[in-house]
Every structure is written in C-alpha cells, then in structure tokens.
Amino acid sequence: MLPKKNRLSRKDIGLLFKKGASLSSPNLSLRFIKNTSLTSSGISFIVPKNVVKLATRRNSLRRLAYNIVEKQKRTPPAYFMGAFIFRKYPDNSHVLENEIKSLLDKIN
C-alpha cells in the first residue's frame, strides 16, 4: 500500500473532477492534473459500487491496485495528481497491471 502522503484527499479528488484531463482504457479511467504549481501530489484508486457491490471486494481491488503501483516503484512526481476510476472488474491482476502501466506511460 502506498504511504498516505502519496494518496489524495477528498478535496484533491474534487479538484481533479473539476479541472482535470482524462484518459481511459477498457477497465480504468484516469483523471489527472499535471502542473508545476501544485502544492500536493498523489495517486488514488476509486472503485464505484456499480462495478463491485461488496465493500470487501472493492477494498481488495483498491489494495491490489495500490500494490501494483508500489511494486513498480513509481511514486508520483511532484507535479502530478491522478485518480484511477474502475469502469469494469478486471479479468486478472496482469490485465490491471498492464493498463495502469500504459496509462501512466501516456502521461509521461
């Protein structure tokens, strides 16, 4: 799990949805702001109820995604805030890992 300082607060997520750009893949969408004047940076994962009904499964999917980002040793740069929103339940962790990598590569 990423440290709390590398995750976004609710206030930051609200800012992302107001002013952020977006990218998408089959299972994920990414809302992000890339700006040098940001005071905070971080990454968050959002799993809506319409994707997975049970809270325990939503939390496990979120933990899996945070572990994938941590395994890649990709801490967010000082100028980046992003939120991954799950659109569908991924088939397996390898698919999810490839989609996270490809979305982060598109930004850089």
N, C-alpha and C. Protein backbone atom coordinates (compact mmCIF):
# COMPACT_ATOMS: atom_id res chain seq x y z
N MET A 1 0.84 -1.17 0.00
CA MET A 1 0.00 0.00 0.00
C MET A 1 0.89 1.24 0.00
N LEU A 2 0.52 2.20 -0.79
CA LEU A 2 1.28 3.45 -0.82
C LEU A 2 1.14 4.20 0.50
N PRO A 3 2.16 4.94 0.91
CA PRO A 3 2.02 5.74 2.12
C PRO A 3 0.92 6.80 1.95
N LYS A 4 0.34 7.21 3.04
CA LYS A 4 -0.76 8.14 3.00
C LYS A 4 -0.37 9.47 2.34
N LYS A 5 0.90 9.85 2.47
CA LYS A 5 1.33 11.12 1.87
C LYS A 5 1.31 11.05 0.34
N ASN A 6 1.32 9.85 -0.24
CA ASN A 6 1.27 9.69 -1.70
C ASN A 6 -0.14 9.44 -2.22
N ARG A 7 -1.14 9.47 -1.33
CA ARG A 7 -2.52 9.29 -1.74
C ARG A 7 -3.25 10.64 -1.69
N LEU A 8 -4.33 10.76 -2.42
CA LEU A 8 -5.07 12.02 -2.50
C LEU A 8 -6.15 12.11 -1.43
N SER A 9 -6.45 13.33 -1.04
CA SER A 9 -7.56 13.58 -0.11
C SER A 9 -8.83 13.79 -0.91
N ARG A 10 -9.96 13.84 -0.24
CA ARG A 10 -11.24 14.08 -0.92
C ARG A 10 -11.26 15.44 -1.60
N LYS A 11 -10.64 16.42 -0.97
CA LYS A 11 -10.57 17.77 -1.54
C LYS A 11 -9.81 17.76 -2.87
N ASP A 12 -8.69 17.03 -2.90
CA ASP A 12 -7.90 16.93 -4.13
C ASP A 12 -8.65 16.20 -5.23
N ILE A 13 -9.41 15.17 -4.86
CA ILE A 13 -10.18 14.43 -5.85
C ILE A 13 -11.28 15.31 -6.44
N GLY A 14 -11.89 16.14 -5.61
CA GLY A 14 -12.88 17.10 -6.12
C GLY A 14 -12.27 18.05 -7.13
N LEU A 15 -11.05 18.50 -6.86
CA LEU A 15 -10.34 19.37 -7.79
C LEU A 15 -10.05 18.66 -9.11
N LEU A 16 -9.70 17.38 -9.02
CA LEU A 16 -9.44 16.59 -10.24
C LEU A 16 -10.67 16.52 -11.14
N PHE A 17 -11.83 16.29 -10.54
CA PHE A 17 -13.04 16.16 -11.34
C PHE A 17 -13.49 17.49 -11.92
N LYS A 18 -13.11 18.60 -11.30
CA LYS A 18 -13.46 19.91 -11.83
C LYS A 18 -12.52 20.35 -12.94
N LYS A 19 -11.21 20.17 -12.73
CA LYS A 19 -10.23 20.76 -13.64
C LYS A 19 -9.36 19.76 -14.38
N GLY A 20 -9.47 18.48 -14.08
CA GLY A 20 -8.54 17.50 -14.63
C GLY A 20 -8.87 17.03 -16.03
N ALA A 21 -7.84 16.53 -16.70
CA ALA A 21 -7.99 15.88 -18.00
C ALA A 21 -8.20 14.40 -17.76
N SER A 22 -8.59 13.66 -18.80
CA SER A 22 -8.84 12.24 -18.60
C SER A 22 -8.27 11.40 -19.73
N LEU A 23 -7.93 10.18 -19.37
CA LEU A 23 -7.53 9.12 -20.29
C LEU A 23 -8.32 7.89 -19.91
N SER A 24 -8.50 6.97 -20.85
CA SER A 24 -9.24 5.77 -20.49
C SER A 24 -8.67 4.54 -21.17
N SER A 25 -8.97 3.42 -20.57
CA SER A 25 -8.62 2.10 -21.09
C SER A 25 -9.86 1.23 -20.88
N PRO A 26 -9.84 -0.03 -21.29
CA PRO A 26 -11.05 -0.84 -21.15
C PRO A 26 -11.58 -0.99 -19.72
N ASN A 27 -10.70 -1.10 -18.73
CA ASN A 27 -11.16 -1.32 -17.36
C ASN A 27 -11.01 -0.10 -16.46
N LEU A 28 -10.19 0.89 -16.85
CA LEU A 28 -9.88 2.03 -16.00
C LEU A 28 -10.04 3.34 -16.74
N SER A 29 -10.34 4.39 -15.98
CA SER A 29 -10.23 5.76 -16.45
C SER A 29 -9.25 6.47 -15.54
N LEU A 30 -8.55 7.45 -16.05
CA LEU A 30 -7.61 8.21 -15.25
C LEU A 30 -7.94 9.68 -15.39
N ARG A 31 -8.23 10.32 -14.26
CA ARG A 31 -8.39 11.77 -14.22
C ARG A 31 -7.11 12.31 -13.61
N PHE A 32 -6.52 13.32 -14.23
CA PHE A 32 -5.23 13.81 -13.73
C PHE A 32 -5.06 15.29 -13.99
N ILE A 33 -4.19 15.88 -13.18
CA ILE A 33 -3.73 17.25 -13.36
C ILE A 33 -2.22 17.18 -13.34
N LYS A 34 -1.62 17.79 -14.34
CA LYS A 34 -0.16 17.81 -14.45
C LYS A 34 0.24 19.28 -14.50
N ASN A 35 0.74 19.80 -13.36
CA ASN A 35 1.00 21.22 -13.26
C ASN A 35 2.14 21.44 -12.27
N THR A 36 3.05 22.34 -12.57
CA THR A 36 4.17 22.58 -11.67
C THR A 36 3.80 23.42 -10.46
N SER A 37 2.63 24.05 -10.47
CA SER A 37 2.24 24.90 -9.35
C SER A 37 1.39 24.15 -8.31
N LEU A 38 1.30 22.84 -8.40
CA LEU A 38 0.53 22.08 -7.42
C LEU A 38 1.24 22.04 -6.08
N THR A 39 0.45 22.10 -5.01
CA THR A 39 1.04 22.05 -3.68
C THR A 39 1.16 20.61 -3.18
N SER A 40 0.30 19.72 -3.67
CA SER A 40 0.37 18.33 -3.25
C SER A 40 0.37 17.43 -4.49
N SER A 41 0.80 16.20 -4.30
CA SER A 41 0.78 15.25 -5.40
C SER A 41 0.34 13.91 -4.85
N GLY A 42 -0.12 13.03 -5.74
CA GLY A 42 -0.53 11.72 -5.27
C GLY A 42 -1.35 10.96 -6.29
N ILE A 43 -1.67 9.73 -5.93
CA ILE A 43 -2.47 8.83 -6.76
C ILE A 43 -3.53 8.21 -5.87
N SER A 44 -4.74 8.06 -6.42
CA SER A 44 -5.82 7.37 -5.71
C SER A 44 -6.53 6.42 -6.67
N PHE A 45 -7.19 5.44 -6.09
CA PHE A 45 -7.99 4.49 -6.85
C PHE A 45 -9.42 4.54 -6.33
N ILE A 46 -10.37 4.64 -7.24
CA ILE A 46 -11.78 4.74 -6.89
C ILE A 46 -12.50 3.55 -7.52
N VAL A 47 -13.21 2.81 -6.69
CA VAL A 47 -13.99 1.66 -7.17
C VAL A 47 -15.45 1.94 -6.85
N PRO A 48 -16.26 2.31 -7.85
CA PRO A 48 -17.68 2.59 -7.60
C PRO A 48 -18.48 1.35 -7.25
N LYS A 49 -19.63 1.56 -6.64
CA LYS A 49 -20.49 0.45 -6.26
C LYS A 49 -21.07 -0.27 -7.46
N ASN A 50 -21.23 0.42 -8.60
CA ASN A 50 -21.79 -0.26 -9.76
C ASN A 50 -20.80 -1.21 -10.41
N VAL A 51 -19.51 -1.15 -10.02
CA VAL A 51 -18.52 -2.11 -10.51
C VAL A 51 -18.50 -3.35 -9.63
N VAL A 52 -18.43 -3.15 -8.31
CA VAL A 52 -18.41 -4.25 -7.35
C VAL A 52 -19.33 -3.86 -6.19
N LYS A 53 -20.31 -4.69 -5.90
CA LYS A 53 -21.28 -4.37 -4.85
C LYS A 53 -20.72 -4.48 -3.44
N LEU A 54 -19.95 -5.52 -3.16
CA LEU A 54 -19.48 -5.75 -1.80
C LEU A 54 -18.28 -4.86 -1.46
N ALA A 55 -18.34 -4.24 -0.29
CA ALA A 55 -17.27 -3.33 0.14
C ALA A 55 -15.95 -4.06 0.30
N THR A 56 -15.99 -5.31 0.75
CA THR A 56 -14.74 -6.05 0.94
C THR A 56 -14.03 -6.29 -0.39
N ARG A 57 -14.79 -6.54 -1.44
CA ARG A 57 -14.18 -6.74 -2.76
C ARG A 57 -13.69 -5.42 -3.35
N ARG A 58 -14.43 -4.33 -3.10
CA ARG A 58 -13.96 -3.01 -3.56
C ARG A 58 -12.64 -2.67 -2.88
N ASN A 59 -12.55 -2.92 -1.58
CA ASN A 59 -11.33 -2.61 -0.85
C ASN A 59 -10.17 -3.50 -1.29
N SER A 60 -10.43 -4.76 -1.57
CA SER A 60 -9.35 -5.65 -2.02
C SER A 60 -8.86 -5.25 -3.41
N LEU A 61 -9.77 -4.82 -4.27
CA LEU A 61 -9.38 -4.36 -5.60
C LEU A 61 -8.54 -3.09 -5.49
N ARG A 62 -8.92 -2.20 -4.60
CA ARG A 62 -8.16 -0.97 -4.37
C ARG A 62 -6.77 -1.29 -3.83
N ARG A 63 -6.69 -2.22 -2.87
CA ARG A 63 -5.39 -2.62 -2.32
C ARG A 63 -4.50 -3.25 -3.38
N LEU A 64 -5.10 -4.09 -4.23
CA LEU A 64 -4.35 -4.71 -5.31
C LEU A 64 -3.75 -3.65 -6.23
N ALA A 65 -4.53 -2.65 -6.58
CA ALA A 65 -4.04 -1.59 -7.46
C ALA A 65 -2.93 -0.77 -6.81
N TYR A 66 -3.09 -0.45 -5.52
CA TYR A 66 -2.02 0.28 -4.82
C TYR A 66 -0.74 -0.55 -4.78
N ASN A 67 -0.86 -1.85 -4.59
CA ASN A 67 0.32 -2.71 -4.56
C ASN A 67 1.01 -2.77 -5.92
N ILE A 68 0.23 -2.73 -6.99
CA ILE A 68 0.81 -2.73 -8.34
C ILE A 68 1.64 -1.47 -8.54
N VAL A 69 1.11 -0.33 -8.13
CA VAL A 69 1.85 0.93 -8.28
C VAL A 69 3.10 0.92 -7.41
N GLU A 70 2.97 0.40 -6.19
CA GLU A 70 4.13 0.35 -5.30
C GLU A 70 5.19 -0.61 -5.81
N LYS A 71 4.76 -1.72 -6.40
CA LYS A 71 5.70 -2.71 -6.94
C LYS A 71 6.52 -2.13 -8.08
N GLN A 72 5.93 -1.23 -8.83
CA GLN A 72 6.63 -0.61 -9.95
C GLN A 72 7.59 0.48 -9.48
N LYS A 73 7.54 0.79 -8.19
CA LYS A 73 8.39 1.85 -7.62
C LYS A 73 8.15 3.18 -8.30
N ARG A 74 6.91 3.41 -8.64
CA ARG A 74 6.55 4.67 -9.29
C ARG A 74 5.83 5.57 -8.28
N THR A 75 6.57 6.38 -7.58
CA THR A 75 5.92 7.37 -6.74
C THR A 75 5.53 8.53 -7.64
N PRO A 76 4.44 9.18 -7.34
CA PRO A 76 4.02 10.26 -8.23
C PRO A 76 5.00 11.43 -8.21
N PRO A 77 5.27 12.03 -9.35
CA PRO A 77 6.16 13.19 -9.36
C PRO A 77 5.51 14.35 -8.61
N ALA A 78 6.29 15.35 -8.31
CA ALA A 78 5.81 16.47 -7.51
C ALA A 78 4.76 17.29 -8.25
N TYR A 79 4.61 17.13 -9.52
CA TYR A 79 3.69 17.94 -10.31
C TYR A 79 2.47 17.14 -10.81
N PHE A 80 2.18 16.00 -10.23
CA PHE A 80 1.14 15.12 -10.76
C PHE A 80 0.15 14.72 -9.68
N MET A 81 -1.15 14.88 -9.98
CA MET A 81 -2.23 14.33 -9.16
C MET A 81 -3.11 13.50 -10.09
N GLY A 82 -3.42 12.27 -9.69
CA GLY A 82 -4.23 11.42 -10.54
C GLY A 82 -5.12 10.48 -9.75
N ALA A 83 -6.29 10.20 -10.32
CA ALA A 83 -7.22 9.25 -9.71
C ALA A 83 -7.64 8.24 -10.78
N PHE A 84 -7.41 6.97 -10.49
CA PHE A 84 -7.84 5.89 -11.36
C PHE A 84 -9.24 5.49 -10.94
N ILE A 85 -10.17 5.46 -11.89
CA ILE A 85 -11.54 5.06 -11.61
C ILE A 85 -11.81 3.76 -12.36
N PHE A 86 -12.23 2.75 -11.62
CA PHE A 86 -12.52 1.46 -12.24
C PHE A 86 -13.84 1.55 -12.99
N ARG A 87 -13.85 1.09 -14.25
CA ARG A 87 -15.06 1.07 -15.06
C ARG A 87 -15.68 -0.33 -15.09
N LYS A 88 -14.83 -1.35 -15.11
CA LYS A 88 -15.26 -2.75 -15.08
C LYS A 88 -14.35 -3.51 -14.16
N TYR A 89 -14.82 -4.65 -13.71
CA TYR A 89 -13.98 -5.51 -12.89
C TYR A 89 -12.95 -6.17 -13.80
N PRO A 90 -11.64 -6.03 -13.51
CA PRO A 90 -10.62 -6.61 -14.40
C PRO A 90 -10.61 -8.14 -14.34
N ASP A 91 -10.23 -8.76 -15.45
CA ASP A 91 -10.19 -10.22 -15.54
C ASP A 91 -9.18 -10.81 -14.57
N ASN A 92 -7.97 -10.24 -14.54
CA ASN A 92 -6.95 -10.71 -13.60
C ASN A 92 -5.99 -9.56 -13.29
N SER A 93 -5.05 -9.82 -12.41
CA SER A 93 -4.15 -8.75 -11.97
C SER A 93 -3.17 -8.33 -13.07
N HIS A 94 -2.85 -9.25 -13.99
CA HIS A 94 -1.92 -8.90 -15.06
C HIS A 94 -2.54 -7.89 -16.02
N VAL A 95 -3.80 -8.04 -16.29
CA VAL A 95 -4.51 -7.08 -17.15
C VAL A 95 -4.52 -5.71 -16.48
N LEU A 96 -4.83 -5.71 -15.20
CA LEU A 96 -4.87 -4.47 -14.44
C LEU A 96 -3.50 -3.81 -14.40
N GLU A 97 -2.47 -4.59 -14.18
CA GLU A 97 -1.11 -4.06 -14.14
C GLU A 97 -0.71 -3.43 -15.47
N ASN A 98 -1.03 -4.09 -16.58
CA ASN A 98 -0.70 -3.55 -17.90
C ASN A 98 -1.45 -2.26 -18.19
N GLU A 99 -2.71 -2.18 -17.76
CA GLU A 99 -3.48 -0.97 -18.01
C GLU A 99 -2.96 0.20 -17.18
N ILE A 100 -2.59 -0.04 -15.93
CA ILE A 100 -2.03 1.03 -15.10
C ILE A 100 -0.73 1.53 -15.70
N LYS A 101 0.14 0.60 -16.12
CA LYS A 101 1.41 0.97 -16.74
C LYS A 101 1.19 1.82 -18.01
N SER A 102 0.27 1.36 -18.86
CA SER A 102 0.05 2.07 -20.12
C SER A 102 -0.53 3.46 -19.89
N LEU A 103 -1.43 3.62 -18.93
CA LEU A 103 -1.99 4.94 -18.65
C LEU A 103 -0.93 5.88 -18.08
N LEU A 104 -0.08 5.37 -17.19
CA LEU A 104 0.98 6.21 -16.63
C LEU A 104 2.02 6.55 -17.68
N ASP A 105 2.29 5.65 -18.62
CA ASP A 105 3.24 5.93 -19.69
C ASP A 105 2.71 6.98 -20.65
N LYS A 106 1.40 7.01 -20.88
CA LYS A 106 0.81 8.01 -21.77
C LYS A 106 0.98 9.42 -21.22
N ILE A 107 0.98 9.54 -19.89
CA ILE A 107 1.12 10.85 -19.28
C ILE A 107 2.55 11.36 -19.38
N ASN A 108 3.50 10.49 -19.16
CA ASN A 108 4.92 10.92 -19.20
C ASN A 108 5.36 11.05 -20.60
